[in-house]
Amino acid sequence: MRELDDLLIRWLDDHWEEASDADKSAFQALLEVPDPELVGYLLNRQQPDSEPIARIVRQILGKNTT
Protein backbone atom coordinates (compact mmCIF):
# COMPACT_ATOMS: atom_id res chain seq x y z
CA MET A 1 0.00 0.00 0.00
CA ARG A 2 1.46 3.29 -1.09
CA GLU A 3 0.02 5.14 1.92
CA LEU A 4 1.81 2.83 4.35
CA ASP A 5 5.05 3.20 2.42
CA ASP A 6 4.64 6.97 2.75
CA LEU A 7 4.30 6.64 6.54
CA LEU A 8 7.47 4.57 6.76
CA ILE A 9 9.42 6.88 4.47
CA ARG A 10 8.28 9.93 6.44
CA TRP A 11 9.63 8.35 9.66
CA LEU A 12 12.93 7.67 7.93
CA ASP A 13 13.16 11.23 6.65
CA ASP A 14 12.13 12.80 9.97
CA HIS A 15 13.78 10.52 12.54
CA TRP A 16 16.50 8.23 11.18
CA GLU A 17 19.47 10.58 11.51
CA GLU A 18 18.83 11.38 15.18
CA ALA A 19 17.35 8.00 16.14
CA SER A 20 19.10 5.93 18.76
CA ASP A 21 20.61 2.60 17.78
CA ALA A 22 17.72 0.93 19.64
CA ASP A 23 15.15 2.84 17.60
CA LYS A 24 16.97 2.07 14.36
CA SER A 25 16.98 -1.62 15.28
CA ALA A 26 13.28 -1.48 16.18
CA PHE A 27 12.46 0.17 12.86
CA GLN A 28 14.41 -2.49 11.00
CA ALA A 29 12.59 -5.18 12.99
CA LEU A 30 9.28 -3.53 12.06
CA LEU A 31 10.19 -3.92 8.39
CA GLU A 32 10.62 -7.67 8.96
CA VAL A 33 7.08 -8.06 10.30
CA PRO A 34 4.74 -9.92 7.89
CA ASP A 35 2.66 -7.53 5.78
CA PRO A 36 -0.71 -8.35 7.40
CA GLU A 37 0.70 -7.53 10.86
CA LEU A 38 2.41 -4.39 9.59
CA VAL A 39 -0.86 -3.19 8.10
CA GLY A 40 -2.61 -3.93 11.39
CA TYR A 41 -0.05 -1.91 13.33
CA LEU A 42 -0.06 1.07 10.99
CA LEU A 43 -3.85 1.15 10.70
CA ASN A 44 -4.01 0.97 14.49
CA ARG A 45 -5.97 -2.30 14.43
CA GLN A 46 -3.49 -4.24 16.54
CA GLN A 47 -0.59 -3.51 18.88
CA PRO A 48 2.89 -4.98 18.60
CA ASP A 49 3.96 -7.28 21.44
CA SER A 50 7.44 -5.76 21.31
CA GLU A 51 7.65 -2.44 23.18
CA PRO A 52 10.49 -1.10 20.99
CA ILE A 53 8.44 -1.78 17.85
CA ALA A 54 5.33 -0.33 19.53
CA ARG A 55 7.32 2.85 20.29
CA ILE A 56 8.30 3.19 16.62
CA VAL A 57 4.70 2.58 15.51
CA ARG A 58 3.54 5.34 17.89
CA GLN A 59 6.14 7.67 16.39
CA ILE A 60 5.08 6.77 12.86
CA LEU A 61 1.44 7.41 13.73
CA GLY A 62 2.32 10.68 15.42
CA LYS A 63 1.24 9.57 18.87
CA ASN A 64 2.88 10.57 22.11
CA THR A 65 5.92 8.36 22.66
CA THR A 66 6.52 9.07 26.34
PDB file of N, CA and C in Angstrom:
ATOM      1  N   MET A   1       0.836  -1.173   0.000  1.00  0.00           N
ATOM      2  CA  MET A   1       0.000   0.000   0.000  1.00  0.00           C
ATOM      3  C   MET A   1       0.888   1.246   0.000  1.00  0.00           C
ATOM      4  N   ARG A   2       0.657   2.067  -0.944  1.00  0.00           N
ATOM      5  CA  ARG A   2       1.461   3.287  -1.089  1.00  0.00           C
ATOM      6  C   ARG A   2       1.378   4.181   0.147  1.00  0.00           C
ATOM      7  N   GLU A   3       0.204   4.278   0.754  1.00  0.00           N
ATOM      8  CA  GLU A   3       0.024   5.138   1.923  1.00  0.00           C
ATOM      9  C   GLU A   3       0.892   4.672   3.088  1.00  0.00           C
ATOM     10  N   LEU A   4       0.987   3.357   3.274  1.00  0.00           N
ATOM     11  CA  LEU A   4       1.813   2.829   4.354  1.00  0.00           C
ATOM     12  C   LEU A   4       3.292   3.054   4.065  1.00  0.00           C
ATOM     13  N   ASP A   5       3.672   2.893   2.806  1.00  0.00           N
ATOM     14  CA  ASP A   5       5.052   3.202   2.415  1.00  0.00           C
ATOM     15  C   ASP A   5       5.375   4.654   2.742  1.00  0.00           C
ATOM     16  N   ASP A   6       4.428   5.551   2.466  1.00  0.00           N
ATOM     17  CA  ASP A   6       4.639   6.970   2.750  1.00  0.00           C
ATOM     18  C   ASP A   6       4.863   7.208   4.243  1.00  0.00           C
ATOM     19  N   LEU A   7       4.112   6.503   5.098  1.00  0.00           N
ATOM     20  CA  LEU A   7       4.297   6.636   6.542  1.00  0.00           C
ATOM     21  C   LEU A   7       5.701   6.204   6.955  1.00  0.00           C
ATOM     22  N   LEU A   8       6.141   5.080   6.424  1.00  0.00           N
ATOM     23  CA  LEU A   8       7.468   4.566   6.764  1.00  0.00           C
ATOM     24  C   LEU A   8       8.570   5.494   6.255  1.00  0.00           C
ATOM     25  N   ILE A   9       8.425   5.980   5.050  1.00  0.00           N
ATOM     26  CA  ILE A   9       9.421   6.883   4.470  1.00  0.00           C
ATOM     27  C   ILE A   9       9.470   8.192   5.246  1.00  0.00           C
ATOM     28  N   ARG A  10       8.308   8.693   5.666  1.00  0.00           N
ATOM     29  CA  ARG A  10       8.276   9.933   6.441  1.00  0.00           C
ATOM     30  C   ARG A  10       9.055   9.753   7.747  1.00  0.00           C
ATOM     31  N   TRP A  11       8.877   8.586   8.421  1.00  0.00           N
ATOM     32  CA  TRP A  11       9.627   8.353   9.661  1.00  0.00           C
ATOM     33  C   TRP A  11      11.126   8.352   9.367  1.00  0.00           C
ATOM     34  N   LEU A  12      11.507   7.684   8.300  1.00  0.00           N
ATOM     35  CA  LEU A  12      12.931   7.667   7.931  1.00  0.00           C
ATOM     36  C   LEU A  12      13.452   9.078   7.709  1.00  0.00           C
ATOM     37  N   ASP A  13      12.726   9.869   6.945  1.00  0.00           N
ATOM     38  CA  ASP A  13      13.156  11.233   6.648  1.00  0.00           C
ATOM     39  C   ASP A  13      13.225  12.100   7.900  1.00  0.00           C
ATOM     40  N   ASP A  14      12.244  11.927   8.798  1.00  0.00           N
ATOM     41  CA  ASP A  14      12.131  12.802   9.971  1.00  0.00           C
ATOM     42  C   ASP A  14      12.937  12.342  11.179  1.00  0.00           C
ATOM     43  N   HIS A  15      13.221  11.039  11.297  1.00  0.00           N
ATOM     44  CA  HIS A  15      13.778  10.524  12.541  1.00  0.00           C
ATOM     45  C   HIS A  15      15.083   9.743  12.416  1.00  0.00           C
ATOM     46  N   TRP A  16      15.382   9.173  11.272  1.00  0.00           N
ATOM     47  CA  TRP A  16      16.496   8.230  11.179  1.00  0.00           C
ATOM     48  C   TRP A  16      17.818   8.823  11.658  1.00  0.00           C
ATOM     49  N   GLU A  17      18.151  10.004  11.202  1.00  0.00           N
ATOM     50  CA  GLU A  17      19.467  10.582  11.510  1.00  0.00           C
ATOM     51  C   GLU A  17      19.692  10.729  13.011  1.00  0.00           C
ATOM     52  N   GLU A  18      18.663  11.159  13.755  1.00  0.00           N
ATOM     53  CA  GLU A  18      18.831  11.384  15.185  1.00  0.00           C
ATOM     54  C   GLU A  18      18.355  10.204  16.039  1.00  0.00           C
ATOM     55  N   ALA A  19      17.860   9.165  15.402  1.00  0.00           N
ATOM     56  CA  ALA A  19      17.348   8.004  16.137  1.00  0.00           C
ATOM     57  C   ALA A  19      18.480   7.274  16.860  1.00  0.00           C
ATOM     58  N   SER A  20      18.130   6.746  18.020  1.00  0.00           N
ATOM     59  CA  SER A  20      19.099   5.930  18.765  1.00  0.00           C
ATOM     60  C   SER A  20      19.317   4.613  18.013  1.00  0.00           C
ATOM     61  N   ASP A  21      20.371   3.920  18.379  1.00  0.00           N
ATOM     62  CA  ASP A  21      20.613   2.604  17.780  1.00  0.00           C
ATOM     63  C   ASP A  21      19.450   1.659  18.072  1.00  0.00           C
ATOM     64  N   ALA A  22      18.872   1.782  19.272  1.00  0.00           N
ATOM     65  CA  ALA A  22      17.725   0.931  19.639  1.00  0.00           C
ATOM     66  C   ALA A  22      16.531   1.221  18.741  1.00  0.00           C
ATOM     67  N   ASP A  23      16.269   2.502  18.470  1.00  0.00           N
ATOM     68  CA  ASP A  23      15.145   2.843  17.598  1.00  0.00           C
ATOM     69  C   ASP A  23      15.404   2.412  16.159  1.00  0.00           C
ATOM     70  N   LYS A  24      16.629   2.532  15.716  1.00  0.00           N
ATOM     71  CA  LYS A  24      16.965   2.069  14.361  1.00  0.00           C
ATOM     72  C   LYS A  24      16.757   0.558  14.254  1.00  0.00           C
ATOM     73  N   SER A  25      17.175  -0.162  15.275  1.00  0.00           N
ATOM     74  CA  SER A  25      16.982  -1.619  15.282  1.00  0.00           C
ATOM     75  C   SER A  25      15.506  -1.971  15.314  1.00  0.00           C
ATOM     76  N   ALA A  26      14.729  -1.224  16.102  1.00  0.00           N
ATOM     77  CA  ALA A  26      13.284  -1.479  16.181  1.00  0.00           C
ATOM     78  C   ALA A  26      12.617  -1.198  14.844  1.00  0.00           C
ATOM     79  N   PHE A  27      13.033  -0.128  14.173  1.00  0.00           N
ATOM     80  CA  PHE A  27      12.463   0.173  12.857  1.00  0.00           C
ATOM     81  C   PHE A  27      12.792  -0.938  11.875  1.00  0.00           C
ATOM     82  N   GLN A  28      14.019  -1.402  11.891  1.00  0.00           N
ATOM     83  CA  GLN A  28      14.413  -2.490  11.002  1.00  0.00           C
ATOM     84  C   GLN A  28      13.623  -3.757  11.319  1.00  0.00           C
ATOM     85  N   ALA A  29      13.396  -4.021  12.602  1.00  0.00           N
ATOM     86  CA  ALA A  29      12.585  -5.182  12.993  1.00  0.00           C
ATOM     87  C   ALA A  29      11.146  -5.011  12.506  1.00  0.00           C
ATOM     88  N   LEU A  30      10.639  -3.794  12.560  1.00  0.00           N
ATOM     89  CA  LEU A  30       9.280  -3.529  12.064  1.00  0.00           C
ATOM     90  C   LEU A  30       9.168  -3.892  10.584  1.00  0.00           C
ATOM     91  N   LEU A  31      10.211  -3.611   9.826  1.00  0.00           N
ATOM     92  CA  LEU A  31      10.193  -3.925   8.393  1.00  0.00           C
ATOM     93  C   LEU A  31      10.198  -5.425   8.121  1.00  0.00           C
ATOM     94  N   GLU A  32      10.596  -6.216   9.099  1.00  0.00           N
ATOM     95  CA  GLU A  32      10.622  -7.674   8.962  1.00  0.00           C
ATOM     96  C   GLU A  32       9.289  -8.325   9.334  1.00  0.00           C
ATOM     97  N   VAL A  33       8.383  -7.545   9.886  1.00  0.00           N
ATOM     98  CA  VAL A  33       7.075  -8.058  10.300  1.00  0.00           C
ATOM     99  C   VAL A  33       6.287  -8.436   9.042  1.00  0.00           C
ATOM    100  N   PRO A  34       5.563  -9.557   9.055  1.00  0.00           N
ATOM    101  CA  PRO A  34       4.738  -9.917   7.890  1.00  0.00           C
ATOM    102  C   PRO A  34       3.752  -8.791   7.545  1.00  0.00           C
ATOM    103  N   ASP A  35       3.503  -8.624   6.262  1.00  0.00           N
ATOM    104  CA  ASP A  35       2.664  -7.528   5.784  1.00  0.00           C
ATOM    105  C   ASP A  35       1.313  -7.418   6.496  1.00  0.00           C
ATOM    106  N   PRO A  36       0.581  -8.509   6.724  1.00  0.00           N
ATOM    107  CA  PRO A  36      -0.708  -8.345   7.403  1.00  0.00           C
ATOM    108  C   PRO A  36      -0.576  -7.733   8.801  1.00  0.00           C
ATOM    109  N   GLU A  37       0.476  -8.120   9.529  1.00  0.00           N
ATOM    110  CA  GLU A  37       0.703  -7.532  10.855  1.00  0.00           C
ATOM    111  C   GLU A  37       1.105  -6.069  10.733  1.00  0.00           C
ATOM    112  N   LEU A  38       1.978  -5.762   9.796  1.00  0.00           N
ATOM    113  CA  LEU A  38       2.412  -4.386   9.593  1.00  0.00           C
ATOM    114  C   LEU A  38       1.222  -3.488   9.291  1.00  0.00           C
ATOM    115  N   VAL A  39       0.352  -3.945   8.426  1.00  0.00           N
ATOM    116  CA  VAL A  39      -0.857  -3.187   8.104  1.00  0.00           C
ATOM    117  C   VAL A  39      -1.695  -2.992   9.363  1.00  0.00           C
ATOM    118  N   GLY A  40      -1.856  -4.038  10.150  1.00  0.00           N
ATOM    119  CA  GLY A  40      -2.611  -3.930  11.390  1.00  0.00           C
ATOM    120  C   GLY A  40      -2.018  -2.901  12.339  1.00  0.00           C
ATOM    121  N   TYR A  41      -0.706  -2.884  12.453  1.00  0.00           N
ATOM    122  CA  TYR A  41      -0.049  -1.913  13.326  1.00  0.00           C
ATOM    123  C   TYR A  41      -0.257  -0.490  12.818  1.00  0.00           C
ATOM    124  N   LEU A  42      -0.029  -0.284  11.535  1.00  0.00           N
ATOM    125  CA  LEU A  42      -0.061   1.071  10.987  1.00  0.00           C
ATOM    126  C   LEU A  42      -1.477   1.590  10.772  1.00  0.00           C
ATOM    127  N   LEU A  43      -2.449   0.716  10.748  1.00  0.00           N
ATOM    128  CA  LEU A  43      -3.849   1.151  10.697  1.00  0.00           C
ATOM    129  C   LEU A  43      -4.462   1.153  12.090  1.00  0.00           C
ATOM    130  N   ASN A  44      -3.608   0.926  13.089  1.00  0.00           N
ATOM    131  CA  ASN A  44      -4.008   0.966  14.492  1.00  0.00           C
ATOM    132  C   ASN A  44      -5.095  -0.051  14.821  1.00  0.00           C
ATOM    133  N   ARG A  45      -5.017  -1.211  14.183  1.00  0.00           N
ATOM    134  CA  ARG A  45      -5.969  -2.298  14.433  1.00  0.00           C
ATOM    135  C   ARG A  45      -5.422  -3.318  15.415  1.00  0.00           C
ATOM    136  N   GLN A  46      -4.109  -3.343  15.584  1.00  0.00           N
ATOM    137  CA  GLN A  46      -3.493  -4.235  16.544  1.00  0.00           C
ATOM    138  C   GLN A  46      -2.225  -3.586  17.060  1.00  0.00           C
ATOM    139  N   GLN A  47      -1.779  -4.056  18.232  1.00  0.00           N
ATOM    140  CA  GLN A  47      -0.595  -3.506  18.879  1.00  0.00           C
ATOM    141  C   GLN A  47       0.539  -4.521  18.841  1.00  0.00           C
ATOM    142  N   PRO A  48       1.749  -4.071  18.568  1.00  0.00           N
ATOM    143  CA  PRO A  48       2.890  -4.978  18.604  1.00  0.00           C
ATOM    144  C   PRO A  48       3.131  -5.487  20.027  1.00  0.00           C
ATOM    145  N   ASP A  49       3.584  -6.724  20.146  1.00  0.00           N
ATOM    146  CA  ASP A  49       3.959  -7.277  21.444  1.00  0.00           C
ATOM    147  C   ASP A  49       5.283  -6.687  21.923  1.00  0.00           C
ATOM    148  N   SER A  50       6.133  -6.319  20.995  1.00  0.00           N
ATOM    149  CA  SER A  50       7.442  -5.764  21.308  1.00  0.00           C
ATOM    150  C   SER A  50       7.307  -4.269  21.617  1.00  0.00           C
ATOM    151  N   GLU A  51       7.725  -3.862  22.817  1.00  0.00           N
ATOM    152  CA  GLU A  51       7.646  -2.439  23.179  1.00  0.00           C
ATOM    153  C   GLU A  51       8.503  -1.561  22.273  1.00  0.00           C
ATOM    154  N   PRO A  52       9.728  -1.961  21.910  1.00  0.00           N
ATOM    155  CA  PRO A  52      10.491  -1.102  20.989  1.00  0.00           C
ATOM    156  C   PRO A  52       9.772  -0.897  19.646  1.00  0.00           C
ATOM    157  N   ILE A  53       9.180  -1.940  19.107  1.00  0.00           N
ATOM    158  CA  ILE A  53       8.438  -1.784  17.853  1.00  0.00           C
ATOM    159  C   ILE A  53       7.198  -0.934  18.088  1.00  0.00           C
ATOM    160  N   ALA A  54       6.519  -1.138  19.206  1.00  0.00           N
ATOM    161  CA  ALA A  54       5.329  -0.330  19.528  1.00  0.00           C
ATOM    162  C   ALA A  54       5.700   1.147  19.616  1.00  0.00           C
ATOM    163  N   ARG A  55       6.870   1.456  20.192  1.00  0.00           N
ATOM    164  CA  ARG A  55       7.316   2.846  20.292  1.00  0.00           C
ATOM    165  C   ARG A  55       7.506   3.455  18.896  1.00  0.00           C
ATOM    166  N   ILE A  56       8.098   2.692  17.989  1.00  0.00           N
ATOM    167  CA  ILE A  56       8.302   3.191  16.625  1.00  0.00           C
ATOM    168  C   ILE A  56       6.954   3.384  15.935  1.00  0.00           C
ATOM    169  N   VAL A  57       6.034   2.443  16.119  1.00  0.00           N
ATOM    170  CA  VAL A  57       4.695   2.581  15.515  1.00  0.00           C
ATOM    171  C   VAL A  57       4.022   3.842  16.034  1.00  0.00           C
ATOM    172  N   ARG A  58       4.134   4.111  17.334  1.00  0.00           N
ATOM    173  CA  ARG A  58       3.540   5.341  17.886  1.00  0.00           C
ATOM    174  C   ARG A  58       4.164   6.575  17.249  1.00  0.00           C
ATOM    175  N   GLN A  59       5.483   6.536  17.050  1.00  0.00           N
ATOM    176  CA  GLN A  59       6.143   7.666  16.392  1.00  0.00           C
ATOM    177  C   GLN A  59       5.641   7.828  14.959  1.00  0.00           C
ATOM    178  N   ILE A  60       5.546   6.726  14.248  1.00  0.00           N
ATOM    179  CA  ILE A  60       5.083   6.769  12.860  1.00  0.00           C
ATOM    180  C   ILE A  60       3.680   7.345  12.786  1.00  0.00           C
ATOM    181  N   LEU A  61       2.833   6.954  13.720  1.00  0.00           N
ATOM    182  CA  LEU A  61       1.444   7.407  13.727  1.00  0.00           C
ATOM    183  C   LEU A  61       1.269   8.781  14.366  1.00  0.00           C
ATOM    184  N   GLY A  62       2.378   9.347  14.845  1.00  0.00           N
ATOM    185  CA  GLY A  62       2.325  10.680  15.423  1.00  0.00           C
ATOM    186  C   GLY A  62       1.711  10.726  16.798  1.00  0.00           C
ATOM    187  N   LYS A  63       1.770   9.613  17.514  1.00  0.00           N
ATOM    188  CA  LYS A  63       1.239   9.571  18.874  1.00  0.00           C
ATOM    189  C   LYS A  63       2.334   9.862  19.869  1.00  0.00           C
ATOM    190  N   ASN A  64       1.935  10.279  21.041  1.00  0.00           N
ATOM    191  CA  ASN A  64       2.879  10.572  22.114  1.00  0.00           C
ATOM    192  C   ASN A  64       3.723   9.334  22.391  1.00  0.00           C
ATOM    193  N   THR A  65       5.023   9.490  22.461  1.00  0.00           N
ATOM    194  CA  THR A  65       5.915   8.356  22.662  1.00  0.00           C
ATOM    195  C   THR A  65       6.480   8.295  24.077  1.00  0.00           C
ATOM    196  N   THR A  66       6.001   9.119  24.966  1.00  0.00           N
ATOM    197  CA  THR A  66       6.517   9.074  26.341  1.00  0.00           C
ATOM    198  C   THR A  66       5.625   8.242  27.210  1.00  0.00           C
TER     199      THR A  66
END
